[in-house]
Amino acid sequence: MTDTDTDEMAGLEASLEEARRFLDEQLSSIDNVDGKAIQLFQVVTVLVGLLLSLLSFVYGGRAADALQLLNPVTLAGIAVLVGAMAAAAITYSTGEYHAGIGPEDLRWIATGGYEDGEFRRGLYDDLLLGYADWIEANQRANERQGVFITVTILAIIYGVALLAVGVATALLPALSLPFAAVLAVVLVGITRLLGPIGQLRILGRR
């Protein structure tokens, strides 16, 4: 093997190491988002369950009070929280990823996929192309998860805000309108900060 060939193989090895590190970072990111999605799903599930239990306990036998508290705004808040649970579940289910070389590739290599003299170079070239495909697929998965986890967070925030407005409407009707106006401004700011529309547009172009 000439010095040029040795340098080329060293370059290929370095590229493979860098690609492996990048792929590992992507896998770690996907796992982290999966964990957050599960946690958010559990939190919202507990929150909705507590709300329903609390309403049943506090207003048991007092239908008029229950109906006043369960106004359209609070019901909308509960519905949005249920939507947050659905978004969290979708986030977890879209976390498909490519971890690297698979069993079919290993079997192909073991059964003589290359000529002896070109085995190492050909293997490195194919691995680099494989890493490029895996990284690209994982990037799409990361983007999908990013969109859905953002929607989940926003749905939780909007659901809690609607519940707060609904409770204020039932208990403090004189203050409910200014309270709702302030919350609307805050929600607009949070939505602009998280930018879900821009993420959806990027995802739609792929």
N, C-alpha and C. Protein backbone atom coordinates (compact mmCIF):
# COMPACT_ATOMS: atom_id res chain seq x y z
N MET A 1 0.84 -1.19 0.00
CA MET A 1 0.00 0.00 0.00
C MET A 1 0.88 1.24 0.00
N THR A 2 0.65 2.15 -0.92
CA THR A 2 1.44 3.37 -1.03
C THR A 2 1.07 4.36 0.06
N ASP A 3 1.94 5.41 0.19
CA ASP A 3 1.65 6.44 1.19
C ASP A 3 0.33 7.14 0.88
N THR A 4 0.07 7.32 -0.44
CA THR A 4 -1.20 7.97 -0.82
C THR A 4 -2.39 7.13 -0.39
N ASP A 5 -2.27 5.81 -0.61
CA ASP A 5 -3.35 4.91 -0.19
C ASP A 5 -3.51 4.91 1.32
N THR A 6 -2.36 4.95 2.03
CA THR A 6 -2.42 4.97 3.49
C THR A 6 -3.11 6.23 3.99
N ASP A 7 -2.77 7.39 3.39
CA ASP A 7 -3.40 8.65 3.78
C ASP A 7 -4.89 8.64 3.47
N GLU A 8 -5.24 8.05 2.33
CA GLU A 8 -6.65 8.00 1.95
C GLU A 8 -7.43 7.13 2.92
N MET A 9 -6.85 5.97 3.31
CA MET A 9 -7.54 5.11 4.27
C MET A 9 -7.67 5.78 5.62
N ALA A 10 -6.62 6.53 6.02
CA ALA A 10 -6.70 7.24 7.29
C ALA A 10 -7.80 8.30 7.24
N GLY A 11 -7.93 8.98 6.10
CA GLY A 11 -9.00 9.97 5.94
C GLY A 11 -10.37 9.33 6.00
N LEU A 12 -10.51 8.15 5.37
CA LEU A 12 -11.78 7.45 5.42
C LEU A 12 -12.13 7.02 6.85
N GLU A 13 -11.13 6.54 7.57
CA GLU A 13 -11.35 6.12 8.95
C GLU A 13 -11.78 7.30 9.82
N ALA A 14 -11.11 8.44 9.63
CA ALA A 14 -11.47 9.63 10.40
C ALA A 14 -12.89 10.08 10.08
N SER A 15 -13.26 10.00 8.80
CA SER A 15 -14.62 10.38 8.39
C SER A 15 -15.65 9.45 9.01
N LEU A 16 -15.34 8.15 9.06
CA LEU A 16 -16.25 7.20 9.66
C LEU A 16 -16.42 7.46 11.16
N GLU A 17 -15.33 7.78 11.83
CA GLU A 17 -15.41 8.07 13.27
C GLU A 17 -16.27 9.30 13.53
N GLU A 18 -16.08 10.33 12.70
CA GLU A 18 -16.87 11.55 12.86
C GLU A 18 -18.34 11.28 12.57
N ALA A 19 -18.62 10.49 11.53
CA ALA A 19 -20.00 10.16 11.18
C ALA A 19 -20.65 9.35 12.30
N ARG A 20 -19.90 8.42 12.91
CA ARG A 20 -20.42 7.63 14.01
C ARG A 20 -20.76 8.50 15.21
N ARG A 21 -19.89 9.46 15.52
CA ARG A 21 -20.15 10.37 16.64
C ARG A 21 -21.41 11.20 16.38
N PHE A 22 -21.54 11.68 15.14
CA PHE A 22 -22.71 12.49 14.80
C PHE A 22 -23.99 11.65 14.88
N LEU A 23 -23.92 10.41 14.40
CA LEU A 23 -25.09 9.52 14.46
C LEU A 23 -25.46 9.23 15.91
N ASP A 24 -24.45 9.03 16.76
CA ASP A 24 -24.73 8.79 18.18
C ASP A 24 -25.41 10.00 18.82
N GLU A 25 -24.99 11.20 18.44
CA GLU A 25 -25.63 12.41 18.97
C GLU A 25 -27.09 12.48 18.54
N GLN A 26 -27.36 12.12 17.29
CA GLN A 26 -28.73 12.10 16.81
C GLN A 26 -29.58 11.10 17.59
N LEU A 27 -29.03 9.91 17.82
CA LEU A 27 -29.76 8.89 18.56
C LEU A 27 -30.04 9.34 19.99
N SER A 28 -29.05 9.99 20.60
CA SER A 28 -29.24 10.52 21.95
C SER A 28 -30.34 11.58 21.98
N SER A 29 -30.36 12.43 20.95
CA SER A 29 -31.39 13.47 20.87
C SER A 29 -32.78 12.86 20.72
N ILE A 30 -32.90 11.85 19.88
CA ILE A 30 -34.19 11.18 19.68
C ILE A 30 -34.65 10.52 20.98
N ASP A 31 -33.72 9.86 21.68
CA ASP A 31 -34.07 9.22 22.95
C ASP A 31 -34.51 10.25 23.98
N ASN A 32 -33.84 11.40 24.01
CA ASN A 32 -34.21 12.45 24.96
C ASN A 32 -35.62 12.98 24.70
N VAL A 33 -35.93 13.20 23.43
CA VAL A 33 -37.27 13.68 23.09
C VAL A 33 -38.31 12.63 23.42
N ASP A 34 -37.99 11.36 23.16
CA ASP A 34 -38.91 10.28 23.52
C ASP A 34 -39.21 10.30 25.02
N GLY A 35 -38.14 10.48 25.82
CA GLY A 35 -38.33 10.53 27.26
C GLY A 35 -39.18 11.71 27.69
N LYS A 36 -38.96 12.86 27.08
CA LYS A 36 -39.76 14.04 27.41
C LYS A 36 -41.22 13.84 27.01
N ALA A 37 -41.43 13.20 25.85
CA ALA A 37 -42.81 12.96 25.40
C ALA A 37 -43.55 12.05 26.38
N ILE A 38 -42.87 11.01 26.87
CA ILE A 38 -43.49 10.11 27.85
C ILE A 38 -43.81 10.86 29.14
N GLN A 39 -42.86 11.69 29.60
CA GLN A 39 -43.09 12.45 30.82
C GLN A 39 -44.26 13.42 30.68
N LEU A 40 -44.32 14.11 29.54
CA LEU A 40 -45.43 15.05 29.32
C LEU A 40 -46.75 14.30 29.25
N PHE A 41 -46.76 13.16 28.60
CA PHE A 41 -47.98 12.35 28.52
C PHE A 41 -48.45 11.97 29.92
N GLN A 42 -47.51 11.53 30.76
CA GLN A 42 -47.86 11.13 32.12
C GLN A 42 -48.37 12.32 32.94
N VAL A 43 -47.70 13.47 32.79
CA VAL A 43 -48.11 14.66 33.54
C VAL A 43 -49.53 15.08 33.16
N VAL A 44 -49.81 15.12 31.86
CA VAL A 44 -51.13 15.54 31.42
C VAL A 44 -52.19 14.52 31.84
N THR A 45 -51.85 13.25 31.75
CA THR A 45 -52.80 12.21 32.18
C THR A 45 -53.17 12.39 33.65
N VAL A 46 -52.15 12.60 34.48
CA VAL A 46 -52.41 12.82 35.91
C VAL A 46 -53.22 14.10 36.13
N LEU A 47 -52.87 15.16 35.39
CA LEU A 47 -53.57 16.44 35.54
C LEU A 47 -55.04 16.32 35.18
N VAL A 48 -55.33 15.70 34.06
CA VAL A 48 -56.73 15.53 33.65
C VAL A 48 -57.47 14.65 34.65
N GLY A 49 -56.82 13.59 35.10
CA GLY A 49 -57.46 12.72 36.09
C GLY A 49 -57.76 13.45 37.39
N LEU A 50 -56.81 14.28 37.85
CA LEU A 50 -57.02 15.04 39.07
C LEU A 50 -58.16 16.05 38.92
N LEU A 51 -58.20 16.69 37.76
CA LEU A 51 -59.26 17.67 37.52
C LEU A 51 -60.64 17.01 37.58
N LEU A 52 -60.77 15.90 36.90
CA LEU A 52 -62.07 15.21 36.89
C LEU A 52 -62.43 14.69 38.27
N SER A 53 -61.43 14.15 38.99
CA SER A 53 -61.69 13.66 40.33
C SER A 53 -62.07 14.79 41.27
N LEU A 54 -61.38 15.93 41.13
CA LEU A 54 -61.66 17.07 41.99
C LEU A 54 -63.07 17.60 41.76
N LEU A 55 -63.44 17.70 40.50
CA LEU A 55 -64.79 18.17 40.18
C LEU A 55 -65.85 17.23 40.74
N SER A 56 -65.59 15.93 40.61
CA SER A 56 -66.54 14.95 41.10
C SER A 56 -66.65 15.00 42.62
N PHE A 57 -65.52 15.25 43.30
CA PHE A 57 -65.51 15.25 44.76
C PHE A 57 -66.12 16.53 45.33
N VAL A 58 -65.66 17.68 44.82
CA VAL A 58 -66.08 18.96 45.38
C VAL A 58 -67.53 19.27 45.09
N TYR A 59 -67.95 18.97 43.86
CA TYR A 59 -69.29 19.37 43.44
C TYR A 59 -70.27 18.21 43.40
N GLY A 60 -69.93 17.17 44.12
CA GLY A 60 -70.84 16.04 44.17
C GLY A 60 -72.18 16.43 44.77
N GLY A 61 -73.24 16.20 44.05
CA GLY A 61 -74.56 16.52 44.54
C GLY A 61 -74.98 17.97 44.32
N ARG A 62 -74.09 18.80 43.79
CA ARG A 62 -74.45 20.20 43.53
C ARG A 62 -74.31 20.46 42.03
N ALA A 63 -75.29 20.03 41.29
CA ALA A 63 -75.23 20.07 39.83
C ALA A 63 -75.10 21.50 39.30
N ALA A 64 -75.75 22.45 39.95
CA ALA A 64 -75.72 23.83 39.46
C ALA A 64 -74.30 24.39 39.52
N ASP A 65 -73.62 24.14 40.65
CA ASP A 65 -72.24 24.60 40.78
C ASP A 65 -71.32 23.90 39.78
N ALA A 66 -71.54 22.62 39.62
CA ALA A 66 -70.72 21.87 38.68
C ALA A 66 -70.88 22.38 37.26
N LEU A 67 -72.11 22.65 36.88
CA LEU A 67 -72.36 23.16 35.53
C LEU A 67 -71.76 24.55 35.33
N GLN A 68 -71.75 25.35 36.40
CA GLN A 68 -71.15 26.68 36.30
C GLN A 68 -69.65 26.60 36.09
N LEU A 69 -69.02 25.68 36.79
CA LEU A 69 -67.57 25.53 36.65
C LEU A 69 -67.21 24.83 35.34
N LEU A 70 -68.04 23.86 34.96
CA LEU A 70 -67.79 23.17 33.70
C LEU A 70 -68.42 23.94 32.55
N ASN A 71 -67.96 25.17 32.37
CA ASN A 71 -68.46 25.99 31.27
C ASN A 71 -67.72 25.64 29.99
N PRO A 72 -68.13 26.19 28.86
CA PRO A 72 -67.47 25.85 27.59
C PRO A 72 -65.96 26.09 27.58
N VAL A 73 -65.48 27.10 28.33
CA VAL A 73 -64.04 27.40 28.32
C VAL A 73 -63.26 26.31 29.05
N THR A 74 -63.74 25.89 30.22
CA THR A 74 -63.03 24.83 30.94
C THR A 74 -63.10 23.50 30.17
N LEU A 75 -64.23 23.24 29.56
CA LEU A 75 -64.34 22.02 28.75
C LEU A 75 -63.37 22.07 27.57
N ALA A 76 -63.23 23.26 26.97
CA ALA A 76 -62.26 23.42 25.88
C ALA A 76 -60.85 23.18 26.39
N GLY A 77 -60.55 23.65 27.61
CA GLY A 77 -59.23 23.42 28.20
C GLY A 77 -58.94 21.95 28.38
N ILE A 78 -59.94 21.21 28.89
CA ILE A 78 -59.77 19.76 29.06
C ILE A 78 -59.56 19.09 27.71
N ALA A 79 -60.31 19.52 26.70
CA ALA A 79 -60.18 18.94 25.35
C ALA A 79 -58.78 19.20 24.79
N VAL A 80 -58.26 20.41 25.01
CA VAL A 80 -56.92 20.74 24.51
C VAL A 80 -55.86 19.91 25.23
N LEU A 81 -56.05 19.67 26.53
CA LEU A 81 -55.12 18.82 27.28
C LEU A 81 -55.14 17.38 26.75
N VAL A 82 -56.33 16.91 26.41
CA VAL A 82 -56.41 15.58 25.79
C VAL A 82 -55.67 15.58 24.45
N GLY A 83 -55.80 16.69 23.71
CA GLY A 83 -55.05 16.81 22.46
C GLY A 83 -53.55 16.81 22.71
N ALA A 84 -53.12 17.39 23.84
CA ALA A 84 -51.70 17.37 24.20
C ALA A 84 -51.23 15.94 24.44
N MET A 85 -52.08 15.14 25.06
CA MET A 85 -51.74 13.73 25.27
C MET A 85 -51.56 13.01 23.93
N ALA A 86 -52.45 13.32 22.98
CA ALA A 86 -52.34 12.71 21.65
C ALA A 86 -51.06 13.15 20.96
N ALA A 87 -50.72 14.44 21.07
CA ALA A 87 -49.50 14.94 20.45
C ALA A 87 -48.26 14.31 21.07
N ALA A 88 -48.28 14.10 22.39
CA ALA A 88 -47.14 13.45 23.05
C ALA A 88 -46.99 12.01 22.57
N ALA A 89 -48.12 11.32 22.40
CA ALA A 89 -48.08 9.94 21.90
C ALA A 89 -47.54 9.90 20.48
N ILE A 90 -47.94 10.86 19.65
CA ILE A 90 -47.43 10.92 18.28
C ILE A 90 -45.94 11.22 18.28
N THR A 91 -45.50 12.11 19.18
CA THR A 91 -44.07 12.42 19.29
C THR A 91 -43.27 11.15 19.55
N TYR A 92 -43.75 10.35 20.48
CA TYR A 92 -43.03 9.11 20.81
C TYR A 92 -43.07 8.13 19.64
N SER A 93 -44.21 8.02 18.99
CA SER A 93 -44.34 7.04 17.91
C SER A 93 -43.55 7.42 16.66
N THR A 94 -43.22 8.72 16.49
CA THR A 94 -42.46 9.14 15.30
C THR A 94 -40.96 9.10 15.54
N GLY A 95 -40.54 8.61 16.73
CA GLY A 95 -39.11 8.60 17.04
C GLY A 95 -38.38 7.41 16.45
N GLU A 96 -38.70 7.04 15.20
CA GLU A 96 -37.99 5.95 14.55
C GLU A 96 -36.61 6.43 14.12
N TYR A 97 -35.63 5.56 14.24
CA TYR A 97 -34.27 5.99 13.95
C TYR A 97 -33.47 4.86 13.31
N HIS A 98 -32.36 5.24 12.72
CA HIS A 98 -31.41 4.28 12.13
C HIS A 98 -30.14 4.32 12.96
N ALA A 99 -29.78 3.18 13.54
CA ALA A 99 -28.66 3.14 14.48
C ALA A 99 -27.32 2.80 13.82
N GLY A 100 -27.34 2.41 12.56
CA GLY A 100 -26.08 2.08 11.90
C GLY A 100 -26.22 0.82 11.06
N ILE A 101 -25.12 0.13 10.91
CA ILE A 101 -25.08 -1.05 10.06
C ILE A 101 -25.99 -2.13 10.64
N GLY A 102 -26.72 -2.81 9.75
CA GLY A 102 -27.70 -3.80 10.18
C GLY A 102 -27.27 -5.22 9.88
N PRO A 103 -28.08 -6.18 10.29
CA PRO A 103 -27.72 -7.59 10.11
C PRO A 103 -27.56 -8.00 8.65
N GLU A 104 -28.37 -7.44 7.75
CA GLU A 104 -28.25 -7.79 6.34
C GLU A 104 -26.90 -7.35 5.79
N ASP A 105 -26.47 -6.15 6.19
CA ASP A 105 -25.16 -5.67 5.75
C ASP A 105 -24.05 -6.57 6.27
N LEU A 106 -24.15 -6.97 7.51
CA LEU A 106 -23.12 -7.83 8.10
C LEU A 106 -23.07 -9.19 7.39
N ARG A 107 -24.23 -9.74 7.06
CA ARG A 107 -24.25 -11.02 6.35
C ARG A 107 -23.63 -10.88 4.96
N TRP A 108 -23.92 -9.73 4.30
CA TRP A 108 -23.38 -9.52 2.96
C TRP A 108 -21.86 -9.42 3.01
N ILE A 109 -21.33 -8.73 4.01
CA ILE A 109 -19.89 -8.61 4.16
C ILE A 109 -19.27 -9.97 4.45
N ALA A 110 -19.91 -10.75 5.33
CA ALA A 110 -19.36 -12.05 5.73
C ALA A 110 -19.35 -13.05 4.58
N THR A 111 -20.27 -12.90 3.63
CA THR A 111 -20.33 -13.85 2.51
C THR A 111 -19.53 -13.40 1.30
N GLY A 112 -18.63 -12.41 1.49
CA GLY A 112 -17.73 -12.02 0.40
C GLY A 112 -18.27 -10.95 -0.49
N GLY A 113 -18.72 -9.88 0.09
CA GLY A 113 -19.25 -8.78 -0.69
C GLY A 113 -18.20 -8.03 -1.49
N TYR A 114 -16.92 -8.18 -1.14
CA TYR A 114 -15.84 -7.48 -1.84
C TYR A 114 -14.76 -8.47 -2.23
N GLU A 115 -14.01 -8.07 -3.24
CA GLU A 115 -12.78 -8.78 -3.56
C GLU A 115 -11.77 -8.51 -2.45
N ASP A 116 -10.85 -9.43 -2.21
CA ASP A 116 -9.91 -9.30 -1.10
C ASP A 116 -9.14 -8.00 -1.12
N GLY A 117 -8.63 -7.62 -2.28
CA GLY A 117 -7.78 -6.44 -2.35
C GLY A 117 -8.54 -5.14 -2.14
N GLU A 118 -9.82 -5.13 -2.41
CA GLU A 118 -10.61 -3.92 -2.31
C GLU A 118 -11.58 -3.94 -1.12
N PHE A 119 -11.45 -4.94 -0.27
CA PHE A 119 -12.42 -5.12 0.80
C PHE A 119 -12.48 -3.89 1.71
N ARG A 120 -11.32 -3.48 2.22
CA ARG A 120 -11.31 -2.42 3.22
C ARG A 120 -11.79 -1.10 2.63
N ARG A 121 -11.24 -0.75 1.45
CA ARG A 121 -11.64 0.51 0.83
C ARG A 121 -13.13 0.50 0.47
N GLY A 122 -13.57 -0.60 -0.15
CA GLY A 122 -14.97 -0.69 -0.53
C GLY A 122 -15.89 -0.65 0.67
N LEU A 123 -15.48 -1.31 1.77
CA LEU A 123 -16.28 -1.30 2.99
C LEU A 123 -16.41 0.11 3.55
N TYR A 124 -15.30 0.84 3.59
CA TYR A 124 -15.32 2.20 4.10
C TYR A 124 -16.20 3.11 3.25
N ASP A 125 -16.07 2.96 1.93
CA ASP A 125 -16.89 3.79 1.03
C ASP A 125 -18.37 3.53 1.25
N ASP A 126 -18.74 2.25 1.33
CA ASP A 126 -20.15 1.91 1.52
C ASP A 126 -20.65 2.35 2.89
N LEU A 127 -19.80 2.23 3.91
CA LEU A 127 -20.20 2.68 5.24
C LEU A 127 -20.44 4.19 5.27
N LEU A 128 -19.59 4.94 4.58
CA LEU A 128 -19.78 6.39 4.53
C LEU A 128 -21.10 6.74 3.86
N LEU A 129 -21.41 6.06 2.75
CA LEU A 129 -22.69 6.29 2.09
C LEU A 129 -23.85 5.88 2.99
N GLY A 130 -23.66 4.76 3.71
CA GLY A 130 -24.69 4.33 4.64
C GLY A 130 -24.92 5.34 5.76
N TYR A 131 -23.82 5.88 6.31
CA TYR A 131 -23.94 6.89 7.35
C TYR A 131 -24.66 8.12 6.84
N ALA A 132 -24.37 8.50 5.61
CA ALA A 132 -25.06 9.67 5.03
C ALA A 132 -26.56 9.43 4.98
N ASP A 133 -26.98 8.23 4.57
CA ASP A 133 -28.41 7.91 4.52
C ASP A 133 -29.02 7.85 5.92
N TRP A 134 -28.31 7.24 6.86
CA TRP A 134 -28.83 7.11 8.22
C TRP A 134 -28.96 8.48 8.89
N ILE A 135 -27.94 9.30 8.71
CA ILE A 135 -27.98 10.63 9.31
C ILE A 135 -29.12 11.46 8.73
N GLU A 136 -29.31 11.35 7.42
CA GLU A 136 -30.39 12.09 6.78
C GLU A 136 -31.75 11.62 7.28
N ALA A 137 -31.93 10.30 7.42
CA ALA A 137 -33.20 9.76 7.93
C ALA A 137 -33.43 10.18 9.38
N ASN A 138 -32.39 10.14 10.19
CA ASN A 138 -32.52 10.55 11.60
C ASN A 138 -32.81 12.04 11.71
N GLN A 139 -32.26 12.83 10.79
CA GLN A 139 -32.55 14.27 10.81
C GLN A 139 -34.03 14.52 10.57
N ARG A 140 -34.62 13.79 9.64
CA ARG A 140 -36.05 13.93 9.40
C ARG A 140 -36.86 13.52 10.63
N ALA A 141 -36.42 12.44 11.29
CA ALA A 141 -37.10 12.01 12.51
C ALA A 141 -36.99 13.06 13.60
N ASN A 142 -35.79 13.67 13.73
CA ASN A 142 -35.59 14.73 14.71
C ASN A 142 -36.51 15.92 14.44
N GLU A 143 -36.65 16.28 13.18
CA GLU A 143 -37.50 17.42 12.82
C GLU A 143 -38.97 17.12 13.11
N ARG A 144 -39.40 15.90 12.79
CA ARG A 144 -40.79 15.53 13.10
C ARG A 144 -41.04 15.58 14.60
N GLN A 145 -40.12 15.02 15.36
CA GLN A 145 -40.28 15.04 16.80
C GLN A 145 -40.27 16.47 17.34
N GLY A 146 -39.41 17.32 16.76
CA GLY A 146 -39.35 18.70 17.21
C GLY A 146 -40.68 19.41 17.03
N VAL A 147 -41.33 19.16 15.92
CA VAL A 147 -42.64 19.78 15.66
C VAL A 147 -43.67 19.28 16.66
N PHE A 148 -43.75 17.96 16.84
CA PHE A 148 -44.80 17.41 17.70
C PHE A 148 -44.57 17.70 19.17
N ILE A 149 -43.30 17.75 19.62
CA ILE A 149 -43.06 18.07 21.03
C ILE A 149 -43.39 19.54 21.28
N THR A 150 -43.16 20.40 20.27
CA THR A 150 -43.55 21.81 20.40
C THR A 150 -45.07 21.95 20.48
N VAL A 151 -45.76 21.21 19.63
CA VAL A 151 -47.23 21.23 19.67
C VAL A 151 -47.73 20.71 21.01
N THR A 152 -47.08 19.68 21.55
CA THR A 152 -47.47 19.14 22.85
C THR A 152 -47.33 20.19 23.94
N ILE A 153 -46.19 20.87 23.97
CA ILE A 153 -45.95 21.90 24.99
C ILE A 153 -46.96 23.03 24.86
N LEU A 154 -47.18 23.48 23.63
CA LEU A 154 -48.15 24.56 23.42
C LEU A 154 -49.56 24.13 23.83
N ALA A 155 -49.93 22.89 23.52
CA ALA A 155 -51.26 22.41 23.87
C ALA A 155 -51.44 22.38 25.38
N ILE A 156 -50.39 21.99 26.10
CA ILE A 156 -50.48 21.99 27.56
C ILE A 156 -50.65 23.41 28.08
N ILE A 157 -49.85 24.33 27.54
CA ILE A 157 -49.95 25.73 27.98
C ILE A 157 -51.33 26.30 27.67
N TYR A 158 -51.82 26.06 26.45
CA TYR A 158 -53.13 26.57 26.07
C TYR A 158 -54.24 25.90 26.90
N GLY A 159 -54.10 24.61 27.16
CA GLY A 159 -55.12 23.92 27.94
C GLY A 159 -55.21 24.46 29.36
N VAL A 160 -54.05 24.65 30.00
CA VAL A 160 -54.04 25.20 31.36
C VAL A 160 -54.59 26.63 31.36
N ALA A 161 -54.23 27.41 30.33
CA ALA A 161 -54.73 28.79 30.24
C ALA A 161 -56.24 28.81 30.09
N LEU A 162 -56.79 27.93 29.27
CA LEU A 162 -58.24 27.87 29.11
C LEU A 162 -58.93 27.45 30.40
N LEU A 163 -58.32 26.51 31.10
CA LEU A 163 -58.88 26.11 32.39
C LEU A 163 -58.89 27.29 33.36
N ALA A 164 -57.79 28.06 33.38
CA ALA A 164 -57.71 29.22 34.28
C ALA A 164 -58.79 30.25 33.94
N VAL A 165 -58.98 30.50 32.64
CA VAL A 165 -60.01 31.45 32.23
C VAL A 165 -61.40 30.92 32.58
N GLY A 166 -61.62 29.63 32.38
CA GLY A 166 -62.91 29.05 32.70
C GLY A 166 -63.23 29.14 34.18
N VAL A 167 -62.24 28.88 35.03
CA VAL A 167 -62.44 28.99 36.47
C VAL A 167 -62.70 30.44 36.87
N ALA A 168 -61.92 31.36 36.26
CA ALA A 168 -62.12 32.79 36.55
C ALA A 168 -63.51 33.24 36.12
N THR A 169 -63.98 32.71 35.00
CA THR A 169 -65.32 33.07 34.52
C THR A 169 -66.39 32.61 35.51
N ALA A 170 -66.17 31.44 36.12
CA ALA A 170 -67.17 30.91 37.06
C ALA A 170 -67.09 31.59 38.42
N LEU A 171 -65.87 31.86 38.90
CA LEU A 171 -65.71 32.36 40.26
C LEU A 171 -65.59 33.88 40.33
N LEU A 172 -64.93 34.47 39.33
CA LEU A 172 -64.71 35.93 39.32
C LEU A 172 -65.10 36.50 37.96
N PRO A 173 -66.38 36.50 37.65
CA PRO A 173 -66.82 36.92 36.30
C PRO A 173 -66.42 38.35 35.95
N ALA A 174 -66.31 39.24 36.93
CA ALA A 174 -65.95 40.63 36.62
C ALA A 174 -64.51 40.75 36.15
N LEU A 175 -63.66 39.83 36.59
CA LEU A 175 -62.24 39.90 36.22
C LEU A 175 -61.87 38.95 35.09
N SER A 176 -62.81 38.16 34.64
CA SER A 176 -62.49 37.13 33.66
C SER A 176 -62.03 37.71 32.33
N LEU A 177 -62.65 38.81 31.88
CA LEU A 177 -62.29 39.39 30.58
C LEU A 177 -60.88 39.97 30.58
N PRO A 178 -60.51 40.85 31.53
CA PRO A 178 -59.13 41.34 31.54
C PRO A 178 -58.12 40.23 31.76
N PHE A 179 -58.46 39.24 32.58
CA PHE A 179 -57.58 38.10 32.80
C PHE A 179 -57.35 37.34 31.50
N ALA A 180 -58.42 37.12 30.75
CA ALA A 180 -58.31 36.43 29.46
C ALA A 180 -57.48 37.23 28.47
N ALA A 181 -57.63 38.57 28.49
CA ALA A 181 -56.87 39.42 27.58
C ALA A 181 -55.37 39.34 27.86
N VAL A 182 -55.02 39.38 29.15
CA VAL A 182 -53.60 39.28 29.52
C VAL A 182 -53.04 37.92 29.12
N LEU A 183 -53.80 36.87 29.39
CA LEU A 183 -53.36 35.53 29.01
C LEU A 183 -53.19 35.40 27.50
N ALA A 184 -54.07 36.01 26.74
CA ALA A 184 -53.98 35.95 25.27
C ALA A 184 -52.68 36.57 24.79
N VAL A 185 -52.30 37.70 25.36
CA VAL A 185 -51.05 38.36 24.99
C VAL A 185 -49.85 37.46 25.31
N VAL A 186 -49.89 36.86 26.51
CA VAL A 186 -48.81 35.96 26.91
C VAL A 186 -48.73 34.75 25.97
N LEU A 187 -49.87 34.20 25.62
CA LEU A 187 -49.89 33.03 24.74
C LEU A 187 -49.37 33.36 23.35
N VAL A 188 -49.71 34.53 22.84
CA VAL A 188 -49.20 34.95 21.54
C VAL A 188 -47.68 35.04 21.58
N GLY A 189 -47.15 35.61 22.67
CA GLY A 189 -45.70 35.72 22.80
C GLY A 189 -45.03 34.36 22.86
N ILE A 190 -45.60 33.44 23.63
CA ILE A 190 -45.02 32.09 23.74
C ILE A 190 -45.09 31.36 22.40
N THR A 191 -46.21 31.51 21.70
CA THR A 191 -46.36 30.85 20.40
C THR A 191 -45.35 31.37 19.39
N ARG A 192 -45.15 32.68 19.38
CA ARG A 192 -44.17 33.26 18.47
C ARG A 192 -42.76 32.80 18.84
N LEU A 193 -42.49 32.65 20.12
CA LEU A 193 -41.17 32.22 20.57
C LEU A 193 -40.88 30.79 20.14
N LEU A 194 -41.85 29.92 20.31
CA LEU A 194 -41.65 28.52 19.94
C LEU A 194 -41.74 28.29 18.44
N GLY A 195 -42.48 29.13 17.74
CA GLY A 195 -42.54 29.09 16.28
C GLY A 195 -42.98 27.78 15.67
N PRO A 196 -44.11 27.21 16.09
CA PRO A 196 -44.54 25.93 15.51
C PRO A 196 -44.91 26.02 14.03
N ILE A 197 -45.42 27.19 13.60
CA ILE A 197 -45.82 27.32 12.19
C ILE A 197 -44.61 27.21 11.28
N GLY A 198 -43.52 27.86 11.68
CA GLY A 198 -42.30 27.78 10.87
C GLY A 198 -41.76 26.35 10.81
N GLN A 199 -41.85 25.63 11.94
CA GLN A 199 -41.39 24.25 11.94
C GLN A 199 -42.26 23.38 11.05
N LEU A 200 -43.55 23.61 11.07
CA LEU A 200 -44.44 22.84 10.20
C LEU A 200 -44.15 23.11 8.72
N ARG A 201 -43.84 24.34 8.38
CA ARG A 201 -43.53 24.66 7.00
C ARG A 201 -42.26 23.96 6.55
N ILE A 202 -41.24 23.95 7.41
CA ILE A 202 -39.98 23.26 7.09
C ILE A 202 -40.24 21.77 6.91
N LEU A 203 -41.03 21.21 7.81
CA LEU A 203 -41.34 19.79 7.73
C LEU A 203 -42.13 19.47 6.48
N GLY A 204 -43.05 20.36 6.11
CA GLY A 204 -43.87 20.13 4.92
C GLY A 204 -43.07 20.16 3.62
N ARG A 205 -41.97 20.89 3.61
CA ARG A 205 -41.13 20.97 2.41
C ARG A 205 -40.26 19.74 2.22
N ARG A 206 -40.17 18.90 3.24
CA ARG A 206 -39.31 17.73 3.13
C ARG A 206 -40.06 16.52 2.57
